[in-house]
N, C-alpha and C. Protein backbone atom coordinates (compact mmCIF):
# COMPACT_ATOMS: atom_id res chain seq x y z
N GLU A 1 80.58 122.48 98.33
CA GLU A 1 79.59 123.06 97.74
C GLU A 1 79.57 123.96 98.81
N ILE A 2 78.60 125.01 98.58
CA ILE A 2 78.23 125.69 99.80
C ILE A 2 76.75 126.28 99.78
N THR A 3 75.67 125.82 100.37
CA THR A 3 74.49 126.47 100.03
C THR A 3 73.87 128.00 101.23
N MET A 4 74.03 129.14 100.14
CA MET A 4 73.89 130.62 101.33
C MET A 4 71.84 130.30 101.27
N ARG A 5 71.94 131.02 102.37
CA ARG A 5 70.71 131.56 102.11
C ARG A 5 70.72 133.26 102.03
N LEU A 6 70.41 134.19 101.76
CA LEU A 6 70.25 135.76 101.13
C LEU A 6 68.84 136.28 101.73
N TYR A 7 69.28 137.16 102.46
CA TYR A 7 68.09 137.77 103.03
C TYR A 7 67.89 138.93 103.74
N LYS A 8 67.29 140.05 103.02
CA LYS A 8 67.09 141.11 103.48
C LYS A 8 69.14 141.96 103.91
N GLY A 9 69.43 141.29 103.00
CA GLY A 9 71.30 142.08 103.30
C GLY A 9 71.41 140.62 104.23
N GLY A 10 71.22 139.96 104.97
CA GLY A 10 71.63 138.77 106.34
C GLY A 10 72.06 137.80 104.59
N ALA A 11 73.37 137.18 104.63
CA ALA A 11 73.61 135.93 104.00
C ALA A 11 74.03 134.41 105.33
N GLY A 12 73.54 133.97 105.07
CA GLY A 12 73.97 132.08 106.12
C GLY A 12 74.14 131.06 105.73
N ALA A 13 74.96 130.46 106.13
CA ALA A 13 75.36 129.12 105.62
C ALA A 13 74.24 128.19 105.87
N VAL A 14 73.47 127.21 104.77
CA VAL A 14 72.48 126.48 105.24
C VAL A 14 73.06 124.66 104.76
N ALA A 15 73.75 124.55 104.50
CA ALA A 15 74.45 123.55 104.15
C ALA A 15 75.71 123.08 103.24
N ARG A 16 76.32 122.46 103.43
CA ARG A 16 78.06 122.35 103.12
C ARG A 16 78.20 120.56 102.56
N THR A 17 78.63 120.24 101.10
CA THR A 17 78.94 119.06 101.22
C THR A 17 80.48 119.43 100.72
N SER A 18 81.37 118.31 100.32
CA SER A 18 82.68 117.92 100.06
C SER A 18 82.87 116.79 99.93
N PRO A 19 83.76 116.74 99.07
CA PRO A 19 84.67 115.13 98.40
C PRO A 19 85.65 114.72 99.95
N ASN A 20 86.02 116.08 100.41
CA ASN A 20 86.93 115.34 101.30
C ASN A 20 86.98 115.46 102.94
N ALA A 21 85.08 115.58 103.12
CA ALA A 21 84.68 116.48 104.70
C ALA A 21 85.37 115.02 105.53
N LEU A 22 85.83 115.47 106.56
CA LEU A 22 86.17 114.65 107.66
C LEU A 22 84.83 113.97 108.33
N TYR A 23 83.12 114.96 108.03
CA TYR A 23 82.42 113.47 108.71
C TYR A 23 82.33 112.72 108.01
N ASP A 24 81.95 111.25 108.93
CA ASP A 24 81.80 110.01 108.11
C ASP A 24 80.50 109.34 109.15
N GLU A 25 79.37 109.38 108.08
CA GLU A 25 78.06 108.84 108.84
C GLU A 25 77.52 108.00 109.80
N ALA A 26 78.48 106.55 109.26
CA ALA A 26 78.57 105.71 109.54
C ALA A 26 79.16 105.48 111.25
N LEU A 27 80.64 106.75 111.43
CA LEU A 27 79.93 106.80 113.20
C LEU A 27 79.65 107.78 113.73
N ALA A 28 78.89 108.46 113.35
CA ALA A 28 77.79 109.25 113.58
C ALA A 28 76.75 108.90 113.78
N GLY A 29 76.25 107.43 113.24
CA GLY A 29 74.84 107.28 113.25
C GLY A 29 74.23 105.75 114.34
N PHE A 30 73.25 105.47 115.05
CA PHE A 30 72.77 105.36 116.00
C PHE A 30 72.48 104.14 115.44
N GLY A 31 72.09 104.18 114.12
CA GLY A 31 70.96 103.01 113.81
C GLY A 31 70.85 101.41 114.25
N GLU A 32 70.10 100.65 113.47
CA GLU A 32 70.19 99.45 114.18
C GLU A 32 71.24 99.22 114.06
N SER A 33 72.08 99.48 113.38
CA SER A 33 73.33 98.70 113.05
C SER A 33 74.88 99.28 114.04
N GLY A 34 74.05 99.91 114.78
CA GLY A 34 74.75 100.84 115.91
C GLY A 34 75.69 101.94 114.71
N GLY A 35 76.33 101.94 114.37
CA GLY A 35 77.26 102.60 113.54
C GLY A 35 78.70 102.02 113.74
N LEU A 36 79.43 102.65 113.58
CA LEU A 36 81.21 102.13 113.89
C LEU A 36 81.53 102.17 115.14
N PHE A 37 80.65 103.08 115.99
CA PHE A 37 81.40 103.66 117.90
C PHE A 37 81.19 101.92 117.79
N SER A 38 81.48 100.97 119.35
CA SER A 38 81.00 100.52 120.10
C SER A 38 80.31 101.43 121.04
N GLN A 39 78.58 100.43 121.38
CA GLN A 39 78.20 101.26 122.27
C GLN A 39 78.46 100.73 123.86
N GLN A 40 78.84 99.77 123.59
CA GLN A 40 79.68 99.05 124.92
C GLN A 40 81.08 99.57 125.34
N ALA A 41 81.22 100.89 125.00
CA ALA A 41 82.76 101.54 124.87
C ALA A 41 81.83 102.78 126.29
N SER A 42 80.77 103.05 125.52
CA SER A 42 80.38 104.06 126.26
C SER A 42 80.27 104.37 127.73
N PRO A 43 79.99 103.80 128.40
CA PRO A 43 80.26 102.81 130.12
C PRO A 43 81.66 103.97 130.73
N GLY A 44 83.32 103.83 129.50
CA GLY A 44 84.29 104.06 130.23
C GLY A 44 84.01 105.40 129.35
N PHE A 45 83.80 105.83 128.56
CA PHE A 45 84.22 107.03 127.89
C PHE A 45 83.69 107.84 129.11
N ILE A 46 81.96 107.56 129.03
CA ILE A 46 81.58 108.72 130.60
C ILE A 46 82.95 108.82 131.57
N GLU A 47 83.23 107.56 132.13
CA GLU A 47 83.40 107.87 133.24
C GLU A 47 85.18 108.41 133.45
N LEU A 48 86.20 108.80 131.71
CA LEU A 48 86.21 110.21 131.68
C LEU A 48 86.12 110.32 132.03
N TRP A 49 85.66 110.95 131.21
CA TRP A 49 84.79 112.49 130.58
C TRP A 49 84.89 113.14 131.77
N SER A 50 84.34 112.41 133.33
CA SER A 50 83.97 113.06 134.16
C SER A 50 84.59 112.55 135.14
N LEU A 51 85.75 112.48 134.65
CA LEU A 51 86.92 112.55 135.70
C LEU A 51 87.14 113.45 136.39
N GLN A 52 87.89 114.80 135.08
CA GLN A 52 88.04 116.12 135.75
C GLN A 52 86.67 116.66 136.67
N THR A 53 85.47 116.85 136.23
CA THR A 53 84.71 117.26 137.04
C THR A 53 84.23 116.17 138.51
N ARG A 54 84.55 115.60 138.35
CA ARG A 54 84.34 115.14 140.04
C ARG A 54 85.51 115.59 140.52
N MET A 55 87.08 115.04 139.87
CA MET A 55 87.68 115.77 141.38
C MET A 55 87.82 117.15 141.61
N ALA A 56 87.63 118.05 140.13
CA ALA A 56 87.57 119.27 140.97
C ALA A 56 86.41 119.74 142.04
N TYR A 57 85.23 119.08 142.10
CA TYR A 57 83.95 118.41 143.02
C TYR A 57 84.78 118.15 144.63
N GLN A 58 85.45 117.52 144.39
CA GLN A 58 86.36 116.81 145.51
C GLN A 58 87.19 117.85 146.16
N ILE A 59 87.91 118.64 144.89
CA ILE A 59 88.82 119.31 145.95
C ILE A 59 88.04 120.61 146.16
N ARG A 60 87.71 120.92 145.21
CA ARG A 60 86.28 122.36 145.77
C ARG A 60 86.08 122.16 147.22
N ASN A 61 85.53 120.72 148.08
CA ASN A 61 84.76 120.78 148.84
C ASN A 61 85.54 119.95 150.05
N ARG A 62 86.86 120.10 150.02
CA ARG A 62 87.75 119.81 150.45
C ARG A 62 87.26 120.43 151.51
N GLY A 63 87.19 119.73 153.54
CA GLY A 63 87.48 120.17 154.47
C GLY A 63 86.42 121.14 154.97
N LYS A 64 85.18 120.71 153.55
CA LYS A 64 84.15 120.73 154.57
C LYS A 64 82.96 119.98 155.33
N GLU A 65 82.38 120.86 155.61
CA GLU A 65 81.86 119.58 156.55
C GLU A 65 80.48 118.66 155.74
N GLY A 66 80.85 117.38 156.23
CA GLY A 66 79.64 116.13 155.44
C GLY A 66 80.84 115.88 154.08
N SER A 67 82.13 116.22 154.23
CA SER A 67 83.15 115.53 153.16
C SER A 67 83.25 114.10 153.29
């Protein structure tokens, strides 16, 4: 089901629902229970996610003074 907003010849989706949706509020939530995602895994995730950026920085600055 999709809720649309119609205004002056334009149309935009403002809400959508589906019994087959992949979105799981328990995974996305950070409430008291912390959701299904372990917050203790965050530092490792951030380390891996930033690895490519850090490597690119090192390669770009190779041979420059102060590196």
